Amino acid sequence: MPFDSLEERVAFRRAAREVYDLASCQWAQAVMRAQEQWLDDLDDWHGGPPPPPPSGWPTEPERHSDG
């Protein structure tokens, strides 16, 4: 699903942040940092598929960088 409308992206971001808020109390610091980076990536997302979550990153979460 491309999430081309602003409303779809806003709803996706809101749901992702709600899940983060609920689950983050159980995560290690490195996982929390990776999730926070992903939420920042979502804030910069303007169309097409959403940025992949940390579980889809090709490297360790704490080594993720934009680009």
Protein backbone atom coordinates (compact mmCIF):
# COMPACT_ATOMS: atom_id res chain seq x y z
CA MET A 1 0.00 0.00 0.00
CA PRO A 2 1.61 3.31 -1.05
CA PHE A 3 0.06 5.59 1.64
CA ASP A 4 -0.07 8.48 -0.83
CA SER A 5 -2.63 10.56 1.04
CA LEU A 6 -1.68 12.76 3.95
CA GLU A 7 -4.48 11.26 6.04
CA GLU A 8 -3.13 7.72 5.57
CA ARG A 9 0.37 8.77 6.59
CA VAL A 10 -0.90 10.68 9.63
CA ALA A 11 -2.92 7.66 10.76
CA PHE A 12 0.07 5.33 10.26
CA ARG A 13 2.36 7.66 12.24
CA ARG A 14 -0.18 7.98 15.05
CA ALA A 15 -0.57 4.20 15.31
CA ALA A 16 3.21 3.67 15.27
CA ARG A 17 3.69 6.20 18.09
CA GLU A 18 0.90 4.63 20.14
CA VAL A 19 2.48 1.19 19.82
CA TYR A 20 5.88 2.66 20.74
CA ASP A 21 4.41 4.33 23.83
CA LEU A 22 2.77 1.09 24.95
CA ALA A 23 5.71 -1.24 24.31
CA SER A 24 8.78 0.90 25.00
CA CYS A 25 8.77 0.25 28.74
CA GLN A 26 9.83 -3.34 27.96
CA TRP A 27 12.65 -2.61 25.48
CA ALA A 28 16.40 -2.34 25.93
CA GLN A 29 17.95 1.09 25.32
CA ALA A 30 19.35 0.16 21.89
CA VAL A 31 15.92 -1.00 20.74
CA MET A 32 14.32 2.19 22.07
CA ARG A 33 16.86 4.32 20.18
CA ALA A 34 16.20 2.39 16.97
CA GLN A 35 12.44 2.78 17.37
CA GLU A 36 12.84 6.50 18.06
CA GLN A 37 14.95 6.84 14.89
CA TRP A 38 12.25 5.05 12.93
CA LEU A 39 9.58 7.40 14.32
CA ASP A 40 11.76 10.32 13.21
CA ASP A 41 12.02 8.69 9.77
CA LEU A 42 8.20 8.49 9.71
CA ASP A 43 8.01 12.23 10.43
CA ASP A 44 10.08 12.83 7.27
CA TRP A 45 7.98 10.42 5.15
CA HIS A 46 6.03 12.13 2.35
CA GLY A 47 4.64 9.34 0.16
CA GLY A 48 5.01 5.82 -1.10
CA PRO A 49 5.62 2.96 1.30
CA PRO A 50 6.55 3.88 4.87
CA PRO A 51 10.20 3.65 5.87
CA PRO A 52 11.10 0.15 7.02
CA PRO A 53 11.01 -0.46 10.78
CA PRO A 54 14.23 -1.40 12.59
CA SER A 55 13.46 -5.09 12.15
CA GLY A 56 13.87 -4.54 8.39
CA TRP A 57 17.15 -2.60 8.58
CA PRO A 58 20.15 -4.35 7.03
CA THR A 59 22.40 -3.45 9.99
CA GLU A 60 22.12 -3.41 13.76
CA PRO A 61 19.54 -0.83 14.96
CA GLU A 62 22.06 1.33 16.83
CA ARG A 63 24.07 1.71 13.61
CA HIS A 64 21.16 2.90 11.45
CA SER A 65 21.60 6.24 9.75
CA ASP A 66 19.54 8.23 7.27
CA GLY A 67 20.56 7.85 3.66
